[in-house]
Structures are given as structure tokens and as C-alpha cells.
Protein backbone atom coordinates (compact mmCIF):
# COMPACT_ATOMS: atom_id res chain seq x y z
CA MET A 1 -0.78 -9.45 -22.35
CA GLU A 2 -0.50 -13.06 -20.87
CA SER A 3 -3.95 -14.29 -19.78
CA VAL A 4 -3.82 -16.23 -16.01
CA GLY A 5 -6.34 -19.16 -15.17
CA THR A 6 -9.55 -18.73 -16.27
CA GLY A 7 -8.33 -15.38 -18.34
CA LEU A 8 -10.10 -12.54 -15.69
CA VAL A 9 -6.36 -11.44 -14.82
CA GLY A 10 -3.74 -11.04 -16.99
CA ILE A 11 0.15 -10.03 -16.54
CA ASP A 12 1.99 -7.50 -19.19
CA TRP A 13 5.68 -7.83 -18.76
CA HIS A 14 8.36 -4.77 -18.97
CA ASP A 15 11.82 -5.19 -18.69
CA HIS A 16 12.08 -4.98 -14.39
CA ARG A 17 8.21 -4.52 -14.06
CA ALA A 18 5.25 -6.65 -14.24
CA ASP A 19 1.70 -5.42 -14.67
CA VAL A 20 -0.91 -7.32 -13.11
CA VAL A 21 -4.41 -6.19 -14.63
CA LEU A 22 -8.04 -7.23 -13.63
CA SER A 23 -9.44 -8.50 -16.95
CA ARG A 24 -13.02 -8.41 -16.30
CA ALA A 25 -13.98 -5.27 -17.78
CA GLU A 26 -17.69 -5.85 -18.77
CA LYS A 27 -18.47 -6.11 -15.20
CA ARG A 28 -16.44 -3.29 -13.83
CA ASN A 29 -13.36 -5.74 -12.99
CA ALA A 30 -16.02 -6.91 -10.08
CA MET A 31 -14.22 -10.06 -8.03
CA ASN A 32 -15.96 -13.53 -8.44
CA GLU A 33 -14.38 -16.65 -7.56
CA ASP A 34 -12.60 -17.26 -10.71
CA LEU A 35 -10.94 -13.98 -10.91
CA MET A 36 -9.63 -14.06 -7.14
CA ASN A 37 -8.24 -17.38 -7.90
CA ASP A 38 -6.52 -15.66 -10.85
CA LEU A 39 -4.91 -13.33 -8.77
CA VAL A 40 -3.40 -15.45 -6.57
CA GLU A 41 -1.82 -17.52 -9.46
CA ALA A 42 -0.68 -14.04 -10.59
CA PHE A 43 0.80 -12.39 -7.86
CA ARG A 44 2.60 -16.17 -7.29
CA THR A 45 4.01 -16.06 -10.33
CA VAL A 46 5.55 -12.53 -10.67
CA ASP A 47 6.83 -13.42 -7.20
CA GLY A 48 8.68 -16.25 -8.59
CA THR A 49 10.11 -14.28 -11.38
CA GLU A 50 13.32 -13.75 -11.01
CA ASP A 51 13.50 -10.50 -13.27
CA VAL A 52 10.48 -8.55 -11.71
CA ARG A 53 11.57 -5.83 -9.45
CA ALA A 54 8.44 -4.02 -8.97
CA VAL A 55 4.33 -4.95 -9.95
CA THR A 56 1.34 -2.72 -10.80
CA LEU A 57 -1.76 -3.90 -9.92
CA LEU A 58 -4.17 -2.27 -12.60
CA GLY A 59 -7.76 -2.51 -13.48
CA ASP A 60 -8.76 -2.97 -17.54
CA GLY A 61 -11.17 -0.38 -18.79
CA PRO A 62 -12.22 2.60 -16.94
CA VAL A 63 -12.65 1.44 -13.62
CA PHE A 64 -10.10 -0.28 -11.10
CA CYS A 65 -12.55 -2.62 -9.47
CA ALA A 66 -16.10 -2.30 -8.35
CA GLY A 67 -15.58 -4.51 -5.61
CA MET A 68 -17.17 -8.06 -5.06
CA ASP A 69 -19.53 -9.36 -7.98
CA LEU A 70 -22.88 -8.65 -6.55
CA GLU A 71 -24.23 -12.09 -7.86
CA MET A 72 -21.80 -14.08 -6.06
CA MET A 73 -22.18 -11.99 -2.86
CA ARG A 74 -26.15 -12.79 -2.80
CA GLU A 75 -25.29 -16.31 -3.17
CA ARG A 76 -23.07 -15.96 -0.30
CA VAL A 77 -25.83 -15.20 1.99
CA GLU A 78 -27.83 -17.82 1.57
CA PRO A 79 -27.30 -20.58 4.25
CA ASP A 80 -25.96 -23.32 2.29
CA ALA A 81 -24.01 -21.07 -0.21
CA ASP A 82 -20.82 -22.92 -1.38
CA ILE A 83 -18.75 -20.07 -1.49
CA ASP A 84 -15.00 -20.24 -0.73
CA ARG A 85 -15.27 -17.54 2.23
CA ASP A 86 -10.95 -17.99 2.76
CA LEU A 87 -10.41 -16.95 -0.76
CA PHE A 88 -10.26 -12.99 -0.50
CA PRO A 89 -7.90 -13.51 2.21
CA GLU A 90 -5.51 -15.69 0.75
CA VAL A 91 -5.60 -12.66 -2.40
CA LEU A 92 -4.61 -10.55 0.19
CA PHE A 93 -1.90 -12.37 1.17
CA ALA A 94 -0.37 -13.11 -1.95
CA ILE A 95 -0.30 -9.45 -2.60
CA GLU A 96 1.15 -8.67 0.59
CA GLU A 97 3.70 -11.21 0.96
CA ALA A 98 4.81 -10.61 -2.83
CA ARG A 99 8.76 -9.88 -2.40
CA GLN A 100 8.52 -7.14 -5.09
CA PRO A 101 6.74 -3.68 -3.79
CA VAL A 102 3.46 -3.58 -5.35
CA VAL A 103 2.01 -0.38 -6.52
CA ALA A 104 -1.99 -0.07 -6.97
CA GLY A 105 -3.42 2.46 -9.72
CA ILE A 106 -6.98 3.34 -8.39
CA LYS A 107 -9.11 4.94 -10.93
CA ARG A 108 -12.76 5.92 -10.87
CA ALA A 109 -13.97 3.21 -8.57
CA ALA A 110 -12.61 0.99 -5.72
CA PRO A 111 -15.64 0.62 -2.97
CA ALA A 112 -15.82 -1.87 -0.27
CA GLY A 113 -13.80 -4.85 -1.30
CA ALA A 114 -12.04 -2.96 -3.84
CA PHE A 115 -11.27 -0.54 -1.03
CA GLU A 116 -9.98 -3.24 0.83
CA LEU A 117 -7.81 -5.24 -1.94
CA THR A 118 -5.49 -2.06 -2.26
CA LEU A 119 -4.63 -2.27 1.06
CA PRO A 120 -2.01 -4.76 1.25
CA CYS A 121 -0.29 -3.03 -1.56
CA ASP A 122 3.25 -1.00 -0.76
CA PHE A 123 1.99 2.47 -2.54
CA ARG A 124 -1.37 3.54 -3.72
CA ILE A 125 -2.58 5.91 -6.65
CA LEU A 126 -5.67 7.38 -6.69
CA GLY A 127 -7.60 9.21 -9.27
CA SER A 128 -8.83 12.59 -8.48
CA GLU A 129 -12.59 11.49 -9.03
CA ALA A 130 -12.56 8.23 -7.87
CA LYS A 131 -15.11 6.49 -5.23
CA TYR A 132 -13.06 4.85 -2.81
CA GLY A 133 -14.15 3.87 0.49
CA LEU A 134 -15.68 1.17 3.02
CA LEU A 135 -19.32 0.97 2.27
CA GLU A 136 -20.09 -2.31 4.33
CA VAL A 137 -21.94 -0.32 7.18
CA ALA A 138 -24.79 0.68 4.98
CA LEU A 139 -25.44 -3.19 3.58
CA GLY A 140 -25.57 -4.45 6.87
CA THR A 141 -22.32 -6.06 7.58
CA PHE A 142 -18.95 -4.45 8.30
CA PRO A 143 -15.67 -4.47 6.33
CA HIS A 144 -13.95 -8.27 7.17
CA GLY A 145 -11.83 -8.73 4.22
CA GLY A 146 -8.40 -7.00 6.20
CA GLY A 147 -10.19 -3.53 6.45
CA THR A 148 -10.63 -3.27 10.18
CA GLN A 149 -6.77 -4.70 10.58
CA ARG A 150 -4.94 -3.01 7.86
CA LEU A 151 -6.68 0.25 7.47
CA PRO A 152 -5.70 1.47 11.13
CA ARG A 153 -1.82 0.40 10.30
CA LEU A 154 -2.15 3.09 7.59
CA VAL A 155 -3.80 6.01 8.83
CA GLY A 156 -4.21 5.31 12.75
CA LEU A 157 -7.10 4.00 14.73
CA SER A 158 -9.16 7.20 14.83
CA LYS A 159 -9.33 8.05 11.19
CA ALA A 160 -9.56 4.13 10.56
CA LYS A 161 -12.89 3.86 12.49
CA GLU A 162 -14.29 7.35 10.44
CA ILE A 163 -13.74 5.86 7.62
CA VAL A 164 -15.25 2.28 8.12
CA LEU A 165 -18.09 3.43 10.52
CA THR A 166 -19.33 6.20 8.60
CA GLY A 167 -19.27 3.94 5.50
CA GLU A 168 -18.48 7.40 3.26
CA PHE A 169 -16.33 7.38 0.39
CA VAL A 170 -12.77 9.26 1.42
CA ASP A 171 -12.25 12.32 -0.61
CA PRO A 172 -9.10 11.74 -2.80
CA GLY A 173 -7.32 14.74 -1.51
CA GLU A 174 -7.98 13.77 2.27
CA ALA A 175 -6.62 10.45 1.43
CA GLU A 176 -3.23 11.63 0.17
CA ARG A 177 -3.46 13.68 3.24
CA ILE A 178 -3.73 11.16 5.84
CA GLY A 179 -1.30 9.06 4.20
CA LEU A 180 -3.90 6.40 3.13
CA VAL A 181 -2.88 7.11 -0.84
CA HIS A 182 0.75 8.38 -1.88
CA GLU A 183 -0.43 10.42 -4.80
CA VAL A 184 -3.74 11.65 -6.37
CA CYS A 185 -3.62 12.55 -10.28
CA ASP A 186 -6.03 12.68 -13.03
CA ASP A 187 -8.35 9.28 -13.34
CA ASP A 188 -7.18 9.01 -17.04
CA ALA A 189 -3.21 9.23 -15.91
CA VAL A 190 -3.64 6.74 -13.00
CA ASP A 191 -2.41 3.58 -14.98
CA ASP A 192 0.75 5.17 -16.39
CA ARG A 193 1.52 6.95 -13.14
CA ALA A 194 1.74 3.75 -11.30
CA ARG A 195 3.71 2.32 -14.36
CA ALA A 196 5.73 5.23 -13.67
CA PHE A 197 6.28 4.84 -10.04
CA ALA A 198 6.68 0.88 -10.50
CA ASP A 199 9.78 1.63 -12.69
CA ASP A 200 11.17 4.07 -10.63
CA LEU A 201 11.22 1.39 -8.13
CA ALA A 202 12.73 -1.44 -10.20
CA GLU A 203 15.78 1.19 -10.94
CA ASN A 204 16.93 0.06 -7.18
CA ALA A 205 18.52 -3.04 -6.23
CA PRO A 206 16.45 -5.82 -6.25
CA LEU A 207 17.26 -7.40 -3.00
CA GLY A 208 17.28 -4.18 -1.28
CA LEU A 209 13.83 -3.69 -2.22
CA GLU A 210 12.82 -6.95 -1.32
CA TYR A 211 14.74 -6.93 2.22
CA GLY A 212 13.53 -3.73 2.95
CA LYS A 213 10.06 -4.30 2.48
CA ARG A 214 10.36 -7.78 4.83
CA ALA A 215 11.63 -5.62 7.07
CA LEU A 216 8.79 -2.72 7.00
CA ASN A 217 6.22 -5.14 6.94
CA ALA A 218 7.52 -6.78 10.15
CA ALA A 219 7.39 -3.57 11.90
CA PHE A 220 3.78 -3.41 13.51
CA ASP A 221 3.96 -7.37 13.95
CA ILE A 222 6.80 -7.65 16.53
CA PRO A 223 8.30 -5.53 19.45
CA LEU A 224 10.52 -2.85 18.55
CA GLU A 225 13.66 -4.73 20.33
CA ARG A 226 13.20 -7.82 18.24
CA GLY A 227 12.37 -5.93 14.95
CA LEU A 228 15.61 -3.85 15.29
CA ALA A 229 17.27 -7.25 15.41
CA TYR A 230 15.39 -8.75 12.64
CA GLU A 231 16.28 -5.48 10.65
CA ARG A 232 19.95 -6.19 11.56
CA SER A 233 20.07 -9.53 10.64
CA LEU A 234 18.49 -9.00 7.18
CA GLY A 235 21.10 -6.08 6.51
CA HIS A 236 23.71 -8.20 7.45
CA GLU A 237 22.81 -11.10 4.77
CA LEU A 238 23.45 -8.36 2.32
CA ASP A 239 26.76 -7.22 3.55
CA HIS A 240 28.80 -9.33 1.03
CA THR A 241 26.54 -9.45 -1.82
CA ARG A 242 27.33 -8.33 -5.04
CA ASP A 243 24.74 -5.71 -5.52
CA TYR A 244 26.15 -3.98 -2.27
CA ARG A 245 29.61 -3.85 -3.50
CA GLU A 246 28.24 -2.76 -7.15
CA GLY A 247 26.04 -0.06 -5.44
CA PHE A 248 28.76 1.83 -3.56
CA GLU A 249 31.24 1.06 -6.73
CA ALA A 250 28.92 2.95 -8.67
CA ARG A 251 28.28 5.89 -6.62
CA LEU A 252 32.10 6.42 -5.90
CA GLU A 253 32.82 6.02 -9.63
CA GLY A 254 29.95 8.65 -10.34
CA ARG A 255 28.13 6.08 -13.02
CA GLU A 256 24.61 4.21 -12.72
CA PRO A 257 24.56 0.90 -11.08
CA GLU A 258 24.21 -2.53 -12.77
CA PHE A 259 22.31 -4.53 -10.47
CA THR A 260 21.89 -8.35 -11.15
CA GLY A 261 20.36 -9.52 -7.65
CA GLU A 262 23.20 -11.64 -6.65
């Protein structure tokens, strides 16, 4: 595994897939400033790597992520705390803006900030025993790392209010039913399933994946008419690419396409 920055995040490279791995297992991968900086660097690295078509976000050890580091959070409530409060949003935008689809593998625990960490991912694979929810209202605050904005876009406003304002863990079966996660499996199988899901994505045309993600991400941000025009403009950009021709020729010839991202 290639270490990033301070070494609290690593990248495993596998053909057209990159695994971004939280590597602070002795602290249950809790996020401190070093780990968050490393995450930003890792996603910028994979985003800029031409051969990578899909990405996973995983946790080293038995747990995906325990949320924010409690020592860091205790310091944050001090009036003179020197904490970078814009760092977590930067992490989330780095994930969201990656050109490749990102698959989160969520095993055993992802409370509070860890829950919010998974929201900008494009797909979420959840362990059947995972503690997954937003607990902040029981801690004297509310989820303000994107939870109140990204979550309603995934599950609707009413269900998002239930998750945020009760402060309870979401049952994994319910999470799958409401579309919060894409699949539930045994916790011990989460990482492998996330990798397999990403590998399936990576078999598709890289420009199709990238442009499709860009169009989908714009769906809630602009009016329908502008969104349709944006979708068409992106599609026209691919009309004369090598991969577009290859996709049709391979289908007509009854063979697997060989995409190059051109």
C-alpha cells in the first residue's frame, strides 16, 4: 500500500481500481486533522491518475471509521481552539468531485462524522451489524458536516429529519430499503464486496462514467431545463470519441469492448 501524507491514509492500486484506505486502525480510524489532510491528498491523487476508473473508500482493521477523533473534538469546543473547521468540508468535496465513482465499504461502525463521510460517495455497501447513524443531537449539537444537506437528497426530507433529529442508528435493512445504501452484506464481506462493485464499474467506459457522474451530480443543483441542456452538452462532447465508437463496434461484433478513455 502506498502511504499518503502523514501515513494515516493509504492507496492500493489494482488495475483500473484504487482503494483509498483509512489507516489508523489503533484508533478505529477516527478522523483527526492529519487523517483528513491525507484523505484530501489521496482523493486528489486518484482523481488525477488517468488509469483509475473506480475508487473504494475503506477502513483498515475491523471498523470502517469511529467518526471524529474525540480528543480533537474536545479541543474544538475551547474558545481559543486552533482547529481548521473548513477541513472536513474539503474532504467531502474532494470525494464528491472525484471524476471516478466512489464506493464506500462501511463495516461495523460509521457514526456521526463517519456517517457524513460516506454521503458524498456514489455507492455505499453496509455491514449487516454496522452502527450507522447521526448521533449529534445527543451530544449538544446537530450534524453540520453536510448531513442536513446531502442526506435529504438521498432519502427525502421526512426520512432525513427522522435520522437527524432522533439521533438513532439506522437499521441496515431500513437503510437499504430507503436507498441510503445500495447493498447490505455480512460485515466480514464488506471490503471485498465494495472492491468487486468498483471492479464492475471499472469495466465501463471511463469517459461515460465521468460524464455520467457529472450530469447526475448536477441534477439537484440546477433547474430541469438547464439540467437537460447540460446533459446534452456533455453527451455531445463524447459523440466523436474513440471509446464511443468502440462501444458500438464491440456490441455489433459480439465482443468485449476495449476502452482507453479517449
